[in-house]
Amino acid sequence: MPCHYGAVRANESNQPRDELLKTVTEMKKDVHFQLQQSERTNKNVHGIAKELQKLHREGINDATDLVTQVAVLFATVVFAAIFTVPGGDKDDGVAVVVLSASFKIFFISNAIAFFTSLAVCRSSNYIVRVQITLLETRLQAEKHVVEVINELMWLASICTSLAFMTSSYIVLLWHLVTNYMVCLTI
């Protein structure tokens, strides 16, 4: 009987070890499954991040194209305004109202609008190069360039509006003066 008792005793002592081994094996399987799940999640997150970067880059390119088109439109309008002098010109090609303050305002605001429009076109091309070459500080650089481009666009639009208003003033004033002179001579 002592032999049987010893065998039962040895079997009882192996039981906690077997349970511990079973628990450790289950934990190992769970940890392995969680690691695999984590890898898949990381791959998914990496794919989503790449897609977001691609969408961001496409958005920046689309915005850059649009801003460039608007800047070219501004430049075209103010460039044409330089050659169609408000109030007309004399036979020698000099503007009739060249000495008036309104013509000087028109000319200066038109020139500022023209050159800022060209600067926006140049800056828009620069932002594309910035986003390609810079990796770590790209967002900060893009934000700064976008802010500068927006400020230049506002300056170009304000100066274009001012040039339009002054040219309208010159044309209307010249029209009124001419009609007044015609009325006086009649």
N, C-alpha and C. Protein backbone atom coordinates (compact mmCIF):
# COMPACT_ATOMS: atom_id res chain seq x y z
N MET A 1 0.77 -1.19 0.00
CA MET A 1 0.00 0.00 0.00
C MET A 1 0.83 1.28 0.00
N PRO A 2 1.94 1.29 0.70
CA PRO A 2 2.73 2.50 0.64
C PRO A 2 3.17 2.83 -0.78
N CYS A 3 3.37 1.82 -1.58
CA CYS A 3 3.80 2.09 -2.95
C CYS A 3 2.67 2.76 -3.71
N HIS A 4 1.46 2.28 -3.50
CA HIS A 4 0.31 2.85 -4.19
C HIS A 4 0.08 4.28 -3.73
N TYR A 5 0.27 4.49 -2.44
CA TYR A 5 0.09 5.82 -1.88
C TYR A 5 1.10 6.78 -2.47
N GLY A 6 2.32 6.32 -2.64
CA GLY A 6 3.36 7.16 -3.24
C GLY A 6 3.05 7.50 -4.68
N ALA A 7 2.48 6.57 -5.43
CA ALA A 7 2.13 6.82 -6.83
C ALA A 7 1.01 7.83 -6.91
N VAL A 8 0.05 7.70 -6.03
CA VAL A 8 -1.06 8.67 -6.01
C VAL A 8 -0.51 10.03 -5.63
N ARG A 9 0.39 10.04 -4.71
CA ARG A 9 0.98 11.29 -4.25
C ARG A 9 1.77 11.94 -5.38
N ALA A 10 2.52 11.20 -6.17
CA ALA A 10 3.29 11.74 -7.28
C ALA A 10 2.36 12.26 -8.36
N ASN A 11 1.27 11.55 -8.60
CA ASN A 11 0.30 11.98 -9.59
C ASN A 11 -0.35 13.29 -9.17
N GLU A 12 -0.64 13.43 -7.87
CA GLU A 12 -1.23 14.67 -7.34
C GLU A 12 -0.24 15.82 -7.45
N SER A 13 1.05 15.55 -7.26
CA SER A 13 2.03 16.62 -7.33
C SER A 13 2.25 17.08 -8.77
N ASN A 14 2.00 16.26 -9.77
CA ASN A 14 2.15 16.65 -11.17
C ASN A 14 0.95 17.46 -11.67
N GLN A 15 -0.17 17.32 -10.98
CA GLN A 15 -1.38 18.00 -11.43
C GLN A 15 -1.22 19.52 -11.44
N PRO A 16 -0.71 20.21 -10.42
CA PRO A 16 -0.52 21.67 -10.49
C PRO A 16 0.49 22.05 -11.58
N ARG A 17 1.50 21.20 -11.77
CA ARG A 17 2.48 21.50 -12.80
C ARG A 17 1.84 21.41 -14.18
N ASP A 18 0.99 20.44 -14.39
CA ASP A 18 0.29 20.30 -15.67
C ASP A 18 -0.66 21.47 -15.91
N GLU A 19 -1.35 21.88 -14.87
CA GLU A 19 -2.25 23.03 -15.00
C GLU A 19 -1.47 24.30 -15.30
N LEU A 20 -0.35 24.46 -14.64
CA LEU A 20 0.51 25.62 -14.89
C LEU A 20 1.03 25.59 -16.32
N LEU A 21 1.46 24.43 -16.79
CA LEU A 21 1.94 24.29 -18.16
C LEU A 21 0.83 24.60 -19.15
N LYS A 22 -0.36 24.12 -18.86
CA LYS A 22 -1.51 24.38 -19.72
C LYS A 22 -1.83 25.88 -19.74
N THR A 23 -1.81 26.51 -18.58
CA THR A 23 -2.09 27.95 -18.49
C THR A 23 -1.03 28.75 -19.24
N VAL A 24 0.23 28.40 -19.07
CA VAL A 24 1.32 29.09 -19.77
C VAL A 24 1.19 28.90 -21.28
N THR A 25 0.84 27.71 -21.71
CA THR A 25 0.66 27.45 -23.15
C THR A 25 -0.48 28.29 -23.71
N GLU A 26 -1.59 28.37 -22.98
CA GLU A 26 -2.70 29.20 -23.42
C GLU A 26 -2.32 30.67 -23.47
N MET A 27 -1.57 31.12 -22.47
CA MET A 27 -1.12 32.52 -22.45
C MET A 27 -0.18 32.79 -23.63
N LYS A 28 0.68 31.82 -23.93
CA LYS A 28 1.60 31.97 -25.05
C LYS A 28 0.82 32.09 -26.36
N LYS A 29 -0.22 31.26 -26.51
CA LYS A 29 -1.05 31.32 -27.71
C LYS A 29 -1.75 32.68 -27.79
N ASP A 30 -2.29 33.15 -26.64
CA ASP A 30 -2.97 34.45 -26.62
C ASP A 30 -2.01 35.58 -26.97
N VAL A 31 -0.83 35.55 -26.40
CA VAL A 31 0.16 36.59 -26.69
C VAL A 31 0.57 36.54 -28.16
N HIS A 32 0.76 35.35 -28.68
CA HIS A 32 1.13 35.20 -30.10
C HIS A 32 0.00 35.74 -30.99
N PHE A 33 -1.25 35.42 -30.65
CA PHE A 33 -2.39 35.91 -31.42
C PHE A 33 -2.46 37.44 -31.34
N GLN A 34 -2.24 37.99 -30.16
CA GLN A 34 -2.27 39.45 -30.00
C GLN A 34 -1.14 40.11 -30.78
N LEU A 35 0.03 39.50 -30.81
CA LEU A 35 1.14 40.04 -31.59
C LEU A 35 0.81 40.03 -33.09
N GLN A 36 0.20 38.95 -33.55
CA GLN A 36 -0.20 38.89 -34.96
C GLN A 36 -1.26 39.96 -35.26
N GLN A 37 -2.20 40.10 -34.35
CA GLN A 37 -3.24 41.11 -34.52
C GLN A 37 -2.62 42.51 -34.53
N SER A 38 -1.65 42.73 -33.67
CA SER A 38 -0.96 44.02 -33.61
C SER A 38 -0.21 44.30 -34.92
N GLU A 39 0.44 43.28 -35.47
CA GLU A 39 1.13 43.43 -36.76
C GLU A 39 0.16 43.82 -37.86
N ARG A 40 -0.99 43.14 -37.91
CA ARG A 40 -1.99 43.46 -38.92
C ARG A 40 -2.52 44.88 -38.74
N THR A 41 -2.73 45.26 -37.49
CA THR A 41 -3.20 46.62 -37.21
C THR A 41 -2.16 47.64 -37.65
N ASN A 42 -0.89 47.37 -37.34
CA ASN A 42 0.18 48.29 -37.76
C ASN A 42 0.25 48.40 -39.28
N LYS A 43 0.10 47.27 -39.98
CA LYS A 43 0.10 47.32 -41.45
C LYS A 43 -1.08 48.14 -41.95
N ASN A 44 -2.25 47.96 -41.35
CA ASN A 44 -3.43 48.73 -41.75
C ASN A 44 -3.23 50.22 -41.48
N VAL A 45 -2.70 50.55 -40.31
CA VAL A 45 -2.45 51.95 -39.97
C VAL A 45 -1.42 52.55 -40.92
N HIS A 46 -0.39 51.80 -41.23
CA HIS A 46 0.63 52.28 -42.17
C HIS A 46 0.02 52.53 -43.55
N GLY A 47 -0.85 51.63 -43.99
CA GLY A 47 -1.54 51.81 -45.27
C GLY A 47 -2.44 53.02 -45.27
N ILE A 48 -3.16 53.22 -44.17
CA ILE A 48 -4.04 54.39 -44.04
C ILE A 48 -3.21 55.66 -44.03
N ALA A 49 -2.08 55.66 -43.33
CA ALA A 49 -1.21 56.84 -43.28
C ALA A 49 -0.68 57.17 -44.68
N LYS A 50 -0.29 56.14 -45.44
CA LYS A 50 0.18 56.38 -46.81
C LYS A 50 -0.94 56.97 -47.66
N GLU A 51 -2.13 56.44 -47.51
CA GLU A 51 -3.27 56.94 -48.28
C GLU A 51 -3.58 58.39 -47.92
N LEU A 52 -3.52 58.71 -46.62
CA LEU A 52 -3.74 60.09 -46.19
C LEU A 52 -2.68 61.02 -46.75
N GLN A 53 -1.42 60.59 -46.75
CA GLN A 53 -0.35 61.40 -47.34
C GLN A 53 -0.59 61.62 -48.82
N LYS A 54 -1.03 60.58 -49.49
CA LYS A 54 -1.32 60.69 -50.93
C LYS A 54 -2.46 61.68 -51.15
N LEU A 55 -3.53 61.56 -50.37
CA LEU A 55 -4.65 62.48 -50.49
C LEU A 55 -4.24 63.91 -50.17
N HIS A 56 -3.39 64.08 -49.15
CA HIS A 56 -2.91 65.40 -48.78
C HIS A 56 -2.09 66.00 -49.92
N ARG A 57 -1.21 65.21 -50.49
CA ARG A 57 -0.37 65.68 -51.59
C ARG A 57 -1.24 66.06 -52.80
N GLU A 58 -2.25 65.23 -53.11
CA GLU A 58 -3.16 65.54 -54.22
C GLU A 58 -3.94 66.83 -53.94
N GLY A 59 -4.38 67.00 -52.69
CA GLY A 59 -5.10 68.22 -52.32
C GLY A 59 -4.23 69.45 -52.47
N ILE A 60 -2.99 69.35 -52.01
CA ILE A 60 -2.06 70.47 -52.15
C ILE A 60 -1.81 70.77 -53.62
N ASN A 61 -1.63 69.73 -54.43
CA ASN A 61 -1.41 69.95 -55.86
C ASN A 61 -2.62 70.60 -56.53
N ASP A 62 -3.82 70.14 -56.17
CA ASP A 62 -5.03 70.75 -56.73
C ASP A 62 -5.17 72.21 -56.32
N ALA A 63 -4.93 72.49 -55.03
CA ALA A 63 -5.00 73.87 -54.55
C ALA A 63 -3.94 74.73 -55.22
N THR A 64 -2.75 74.17 -55.40
CA THR A 64 -1.67 74.91 -56.06
C THR A 64 -2.04 75.24 -57.50
N ASP A 65 -2.62 74.26 -58.19
CA ASP A 65 -3.05 74.51 -59.57
C ASP A 65 -4.11 75.61 -59.63
N LEU A 66 -5.07 75.56 -58.72
CA LEU A 66 -6.13 76.56 -58.70
C LEU A 66 -5.58 77.95 -58.41
N VAL A 67 -4.72 78.04 -57.42
CA VAL A 67 -4.13 79.34 -57.07
C VAL A 67 -3.30 79.88 -58.23
N THR A 68 -2.57 79.01 -58.89
CA THR A 68 -1.77 79.43 -60.04
C THR A 68 -2.67 79.95 -61.16
N GLN A 69 -3.78 79.28 -61.41
CA GLN A 69 -4.70 79.73 -62.45
C GLN A 69 -5.30 81.09 -62.12
N VAL A 70 -5.68 81.29 -60.87
CA VAL A 70 -6.23 82.58 -60.46
C VAL A 70 -5.17 83.67 -60.56
N ALA A 71 -3.95 83.35 -60.15
CA ALA A 71 -2.87 84.34 -60.23
C ALA A 71 -2.57 84.70 -61.69
N VAL A 72 -2.61 83.73 -62.57
CA VAL A 72 -2.40 84.01 -63.99
C VAL A 72 -3.54 84.88 -64.52
N LEU A 73 -4.75 84.62 -64.07
CA LEU A 73 -5.88 85.45 -64.48
C LEU A 73 -5.69 86.90 -64.02
N PHE A 74 -5.30 87.09 -62.77
CA PHE A 74 -5.01 88.43 -62.27
C PHE A 74 -3.92 89.10 -63.11
N ALA A 75 -2.84 88.36 -63.33
CA ALA A 75 -1.72 88.92 -64.10
C ALA A 75 -2.17 89.31 -65.50
N THR A 76 -3.00 88.50 -66.13
CA THR A 76 -3.48 88.79 -67.47
C THR A 76 -4.33 90.06 -67.49
N VAL A 77 -5.23 90.18 -66.52
CA VAL A 77 -6.11 91.35 -66.47
C VAL A 77 -5.31 92.62 -66.24
N VAL A 78 -4.41 92.61 -65.28
CA VAL A 78 -3.67 93.84 -64.99
C VAL A 78 -2.63 94.13 -66.07
N PHE A 79 -2.12 93.10 -66.74
CA PHE A 79 -1.20 93.33 -67.85
C PHE A 79 -1.93 94.03 -69.00
N ALA A 80 -3.14 93.58 -69.27
CA ALA A 80 -3.94 94.22 -70.33
C ALA A 80 -4.29 95.65 -69.95
N ALA A 81 -4.51 95.88 -68.66
CA ALA A 81 -4.87 97.23 -68.21
C ALA A 81 -3.71 98.22 -68.39
N ILE A 82 -2.50 97.72 -68.39
CA ILE A 82 -1.34 98.60 -68.59
C ILE A 82 -1.38 99.20 -69.99
N PHE A 83 -1.80 98.41 -70.97
CA PHE A 83 -1.76 98.86 -72.36
C PHE A 83 -3.03 99.57 -72.81
N THR A 84 -4.11 99.38 -72.09
CA THR A 84 -5.33 100.14 -72.38
C THR A 84 -5.45 101.22 -71.32
N VAL A 85 -4.76 102.29 -71.55
CA VAL A 85 -4.63 103.36 -70.57
C VAL A 85 -6.00 104.00 -70.34
N PRO A 86 -6.42 104.10 -69.08
CA PRO A 86 -7.71 104.74 -68.82
C PRO A 86 -7.66 106.23 -69.18
N GLY A 87 -8.69 106.69 -69.80
CA GLY A 87 -8.74 108.10 -70.21
C GLY A 87 -8.17 108.32 -71.58
N GLY A 88 -7.58 107.30 -72.17
CA GLY A 88 -7.01 107.42 -73.52
C GLY A 88 -5.61 107.99 -73.49
N ASP A 89 -5.04 108.13 -74.68
CA ASP A 89 -3.70 108.69 -74.79
C ASP A 89 -3.65 109.69 -75.92
N LYS A 90 -2.62 110.50 -75.87
CA LYS A 90 -2.42 111.53 -76.89
C LYS A 90 -1.82 110.88 -78.14
N ASP A 91 -1.61 111.70 -79.14
CA ASP A 91 -1.03 111.20 -80.38
C ASP A 91 0.38 110.64 -80.17
N ASP A 92 1.10 111.17 -79.20
CA ASP A 92 2.46 110.69 -78.96
C ASP A 92 2.51 109.45 -78.06
N GLY A 93 1.36 108.94 -77.63
CA GLY A 93 1.30 107.71 -76.85
C GLY A 93 1.28 107.93 -75.35
N VAL A 94 1.41 109.16 -74.90
CA VAL A 94 1.40 109.47 -73.47
C VAL A 94 -0.06 109.56 -73.01
N ALA A 95 -0.32 109.03 -71.82
CA ALA A 95 -1.68 109.07 -71.29
C ALA A 95 -2.13 110.51 -71.10
N VAL A 96 -3.39 110.76 -71.38
CA VAL A 96 -3.95 112.10 -71.25
C VAL A 96 -3.90 112.57 -69.80
N VAL A 97 -4.15 111.66 -68.88
CA VAL A 97 -4.23 112.01 -67.45
C VAL A 97 -2.99 111.58 -66.69
N VAL A 98 -1.85 111.54 -67.37
CA VAL A 98 -0.63 111.01 -66.75
C VAL A 98 -0.20 111.79 -65.51
N LEU A 99 -0.54 113.05 -65.41
CA LEU A 99 -0.10 113.85 -64.26
C LEU A 99 -1.08 113.83 -63.09
N SER A 100 -2.25 113.24 -63.28
CA SER A 100 -3.25 113.24 -62.20
C SER A 100 -2.89 112.21 -61.13
N ALA A 101 -3.34 112.49 -59.91
CA ALA A 101 -3.08 111.58 -58.79
C ALA A 101 -3.79 110.25 -59.00
N SER A 102 -4.98 110.28 -59.59
CA SER A 102 -5.73 109.04 -59.81
C SER A 102 -5.00 108.12 -60.79
N PHE A 103 -4.34 108.69 -61.78
CA PHE A 103 -3.58 107.86 -62.72
C PHE A 103 -2.37 107.25 -62.03
N LYS A 104 -1.72 108.00 -61.17
CA LYS A 104 -0.57 107.47 -60.43
C LYS A 104 -1.01 106.32 -59.51
N ILE A 105 -2.16 106.50 -58.86
CA ILE A 105 -2.69 105.42 -58.01
C ILE A 105 -2.99 104.19 -58.86
N PHE A 106 -3.63 104.43 -60.02
CA PHE A 106 -3.92 103.32 -60.94
C PHE A 106 -2.64 102.62 -61.35
N PHE A 107 -1.66 103.36 -61.76
CA PHE A 107 -0.43 102.76 -62.28
C PHE A 107 0.31 101.97 -61.19
N ILE A 108 0.41 102.53 -60.00
CA ILE A 108 1.12 101.85 -58.90
C ILE A 108 0.37 100.61 -58.45
N SER A 109 -0.95 100.72 -58.26
CA SER A 109 -1.71 99.55 -57.82
C SER A 109 -1.73 98.48 -58.90
N ASN A 110 -1.78 98.87 -60.14
CA ASN A 110 -1.75 97.91 -61.25
C ASN A 110 -0.40 97.19 -61.29
N ALA A 111 0.68 97.93 -61.10
CA ALA A 111 2.01 97.31 -61.10
C ALA A 111 2.18 96.35 -59.92
N ILE A 112 1.71 96.76 -58.75
CA ILE A 112 1.79 95.88 -57.57
C ILE A 112 0.98 94.62 -57.80
N ALA A 113 -0.23 94.77 -58.35
CA ALA A 113 -1.07 93.60 -58.63
C ALA A 113 -0.39 92.67 -59.62
N PHE A 114 0.23 93.23 -60.63
CA PHE A 114 0.89 92.41 -61.64
C PHE A 114 2.05 91.63 -61.04
N PHE A 115 2.91 92.31 -60.30
CA PHE A 115 4.09 91.62 -59.77
C PHE A 115 3.75 90.65 -58.63
N THR A 116 2.74 90.96 -57.83
CA THR A 116 2.36 89.99 -56.80
C THR A 116 1.69 88.76 -57.43
N SER A 117 0.96 88.96 -58.53
CA SER A 117 0.39 87.81 -59.23
C SER A 117 1.49 86.92 -59.77
N LEU A 118 2.52 87.52 -60.32
CA LEU A 118 3.65 86.73 -60.80
C LEU A 118 4.37 86.03 -59.64
N ALA A 119 4.46 86.71 -58.51
CA ALA A 119 5.09 86.10 -57.33
C ALA A 119 4.27 84.90 -56.84
N VAL A 120 2.95 85.01 -56.90
CA VAL A 120 2.10 83.88 -56.49
C VAL A 120 2.31 82.71 -57.44
N CYS A 121 2.40 82.98 -58.73
CA CYS A 121 2.67 81.89 -59.69
C CYS A 121 3.98 81.20 -59.35
N ARG A 122 4.98 81.99 -59.06
CA ARG A 122 6.30 81.43 -58.72
C ARG A 122 6.23 80.67 -57.39
N SER A 123 5.54 81.23 -56.41
CA SER A 123 5.44 80.59 -55.09
C SER A 123 4.65 79.29 -55.16
N SER A 124 3.64 79.26 -56.02
CA SER A 124 2.84 78.04 -56.16
C SER A 124 3.70 76.90 -56.70
N ASN A 125 4.59 77.19 -57.61
CA ASN A 125 5.51 76.17 -58.10
C ASN A 125 6.48 75.75 -57.01
N TYR A 126 6.86 76.68 -56.17
CA TYR A 126 7.80 76.40 -55.07
C TYR A 126 7.19 75.43 -54.07
N ILE A 127 5.89 75.57 -53.78
CA ILE A 127 5.27 74.70 -52.77
C ILE A 127 5.29 73.24 -53.21
N VAL A 128 5.20 72.99 -54.50
CA VAL A 128 5.26 71.62 -54.98
C VAL A 128 6.65 71.04 -54.71
N ARG A 129 7.68 71.82 -54.95
CA ARG A 129 9.05 71.35 -54.68
C ARG A 129 9.27 71.18 -53.19
N VAL A 130 8.71 72.07 -52.37
CA VAL A 130 8.88 71.97 -50.92
C VAL A 130 8.28 70.67 -50.40
N GLN A 131 7.09 70.33 -50.87
CA GLN A 131 6.44 69.13 -50.34
C GLN A 131 7.16 67.87 -50.78
N ILE A 132 7.87 67.91 -51.87
CA ILE A 132 8.58 66.72 -52.32
C ILE A 132 9.91 66.58 -51.59
N THR A 133 10.62 67.68 -51.37
CA THR A 133 11.97 67.59 -50.83
C THR A 133 12.02 67.50 -49.31
N LEU A 134 11.09 68.13 -48.63
CA LEU A 134 11.13 68.11 -47.17
C LEU A 134 10.30 66.96 -46.64
N LEU A 135 10.82 66.26 -45.67
CA LEU A 135 10.08 65.14 -45.11
C LEU A 135 9.55 65.47 -43.71
N GLU A 136 10.46 65.75 -42.80
CA GLU A 136 10.08 65.90 -41.41
C GLU A 136 9.35 67.22 -41.15
N THR A 137 9.85 68.32 -41.67
CA THR A 137 9.25 69.63 -41.40
C THR A 137 8.37 70.09 -42.54
N ARG A 138 7.92 69.16 -43.36
CA ARG A 138 7.16 69.50 -44.55
C ARG A 138 5.87 70.25 -44.22
N LEU A 139 5.14 69.81 -43.22
CA LEU A 139 3.87 70.46 -42.91
C LEU A 139 4.06 71.90 -42.48
N GLN A 140 5.07 72.17 -41.66
CA GLN A 140 5.33 73.53 -41.24
C GLN A 140 5.73 74.40 -42.43
N ALA A 141 6.58 73.87 -43.28
CA ALA A 141 7.01 74.63 -44.45
C ALA A 141 5.83 74.89 -45.39
N GLU A 142 4.99 73.87 -45.60
CA GLU A 142 3.82 74.05 -46.46
C GLU A 142 2.87 75.08 -45.88
N LYS A 143 2.65 75.02 -44.57
CA LYS A 143 1.76 76.00 -43.94
C LYS A 143 2.29 77.41 -44.13
N HIS A 144 3.58 77.59 -43.96
CA HIS A 144 4.17 78.91 -44.11
C HIS A 144 4.05 79.40 -45.55
N VAL A 145 4.36 78.54 -46.50
CA VAL A 145 4.27 78.93 -47.91
C VAL A 145 2.83 79.23 -48.30
N VAL A 146 1.89 78.43 -47.82
CA VAL A 146 0.48 78.67 -48.11
C VAL A 146 0.03 80.01 -47.53
N GLU A 147 0.48 80.34 -46.32
CA GLU A 147 0.15 81.62 -45.72
C GLU A 147 0.69 82.77 -46.56
N VAL A 148 1.93 82.65 -47.01
CA VAL A 148 2.54 83.70 -47.84
C VAL A 148 1.77 83.84 -49.15
N ILE A 149 1.43 82.71 -49.76
CA ILE A 149 0.69 82.74 -51.03
C ILE A 149 -0.67 83.40 -50.83
N ASN A 150 -1.36 83.07 -49.74
CA ASN A 150 -2.66 83.68 -49.47
C ASN A 150 -2.54 85.19 -49.29
N GLU A 151 -1.51 85.62 -48.57
CA GLU A 151 -1.31 87.05 -48.38
C GLU A 151 -1.01 87.74 -49.71
N LEU A 152 -0.20 87.12 -50.54
CA LEU A 152 0.09 87.71 -51.85
C LEU A 152 -1.15 87.76 -52.73
N MET A 153 -1.99 86.72 -52.65
CA MET A 153 -3.23 86.74 -53.44
C MET A 153 -4.15 87.85 -52.97
N TRP A 154 -4.23 88.06 -51.66
CA TRP A 154 -5.05 89.16 -51.16
C TRP A 154 -4.50 90.50 -51.63
N LEU A 155 -3.19 90.66 -51.58
CA LEU A 155 -2.58 91.90 -52.05
C LEU A 155 -2.86 92.10 -53.53
N ALA A 156 -2.73 91.06 -54.32
CA ALA A 156 -2.99 91.17 -55.76
C ALA A 156 -4.46 91.52 -56.02
N SER A 157 -5.36 90.90 -55.28
CA SER A 157 -6.79 91.19 -55.51
C SER A 157 -7.15 92.60 -55.06
N ILE A 158 -6.57 93.05 -53.95
CA ILE A 158 -6.84 94.41 -53.48
C ILE A 158 -6.29 95.44 -54.46
N CYS A 159 -5.07 95.20 -54.92
CA CYS A 159 -4.47 96.14 -55.87
C CYS A 159 -5.18 96.12 -57.22
N THR A 160 -5.65 94.94 -57.65
CA THR A 160 -6.42 94.87 -58.89
C THR A 160 -7.72 95.64 -58.73
N SER A 161 -8.37 95.48 -57.60
CA SER A 161 -9.62 96.22 -57.34
C SER A 161 -9.36 97.72 -57.30
N LEU A 162 -8.29 98.11 -56.65
CA LEU A 162 -7.94 99.53 -56.58
C LEU A 162 -7.63 100.08 -57.97
N ALA A 163 -6.90 99.31 -58.77
CA ALA A 163 -6.60 99.75 -60.14
C ALA A 163 -7.89 99.87 -60.95
N PHE A 164 -8.80 98.93 -60.78
CA PHE A 164 -10.08 99.00 -61.50
C PHE A 164 -10.88 100.23 -61.07
N MET A 165 -10.92 100.47 -59.75
CA MET A 165 -11.68 101.63 -59.27
C MET A 165 -11.08 102.93 -59.77
N THR A 166 -9.78 103.05 -59.71
CA THR A 166 -9.16 104.30 -60.17
C THR A 166 -9.30 104.46 -61.68
N SER A 167 -9.20 103.37 -62.43
CA SER A 167 -9.38 103.49 -63.88
C SER A 167 -10.83 103.86 -64.20
N SER A 168 -11.77 103.33 -63.45
CA SER A 168 -13.17 103.71 -63.64
C SER A 168 -13.37 105.18 -63.31
N TYR A 169 -12.74 105.63 -62.24
CA TYR A 169 -12.81 107.04 -61.87
C TYR A 169 -12.22 107.92 -62.97
N ILE A 170 -11.07 107.50 -63.50
CA ILE A 170 -10.43 108.28 -64.56
C ILE A 170 -11.33 108.34 -65.79
N VAL A 171 -11.85 107.20 -66.19
CA VAL A 171 -12.70 107.15 -67.39
C VAL A 171 -13.96 107.98 -67.19
N LEU A 172 -14.62 107.81 -66.05
CA LEU A 172 -15.83 108.58 -65.79
C LEU A 172 -15.53 110.07 -65.69
N LEU A 173 -14.46 110.41 -65.00
CA LEU A 173 -14.08 111.81 -64.87
C LEU A 173 -13.74 112.39 -66.24
N TRP A 174 -12.98 111.64 -67.03
CA TRP A 174 -12.61 112.12 -68.38
C TRP A 174 -13.86 112.26 -69.24
N HIS A 175 -14.79 111.33 -69.10
CA HIS A 175 -16.04 111.39 -69.85
C HIS A 175 -16.84 112.62 -69.43
N LEU A 176 -16.93 112.88 -68.13
CA LEU A 176 -17.66 114.05 -67.64
C LEU A 176 -16.99 115.35 -68.09
N VAL A 177 -15.66 115.42 -67.98
CA VAL A 177 -14.94 116.62 -68.39
C VAL A 177 -15.11 116.84 -69.88
N THR A 178 -14.99 115.79 -70.68
CA THR A 178 -15.13 115.91 -72.13
C THR A 178 -16.54 116.38 -72.49
N ASN A 179 -17.55 115.79 -71.88
CA ASN A 179 -18.93 116.20 -72.14
C ASN A 179 -19.18 117.62 -71.68
N TYR A 180 -18.57 117.99 -70.57
CA TYR A 180 -18.74 119.34 -70.04
C TYR A 180 -18.10 120.33 -71.01
N MET A 181 -16.91 119.98 -71.53
CA MET A 181 -16.23 120.85 -72.49
C MET A 181 -17.04 120.98 -73.77
N VAL A 182 -17.62 119.86 -74.19
CA VAL A 182 -18.45 119.89 -75.41
C VAL A 182 -19.66 120.79 -75.18
N CYS A 183 -20.25 120.68 -73.98
CA CYS A 183 -21.41 121.52 -73.67
C CYS A 183 -21.04 122.99 -73.62
N LEU A 184 -19.85 123.32 -73.14
CA LEU A 184 -19.40 124.69 -73.05
C LEU A 184 -19.13 125.27 -74.45
N THR A 185 -18.62 124.45 -75.33
CA THR A 185 -18.32 124.94 -76.68
C THR A 185 -19.57 125.07 -77.54
N ILE A 186 -20.62 124.39 -77.17
CA ILE A 186 -21.85 124.48 -77.98
C ILE A 186 -22.64 125.67 -77.59
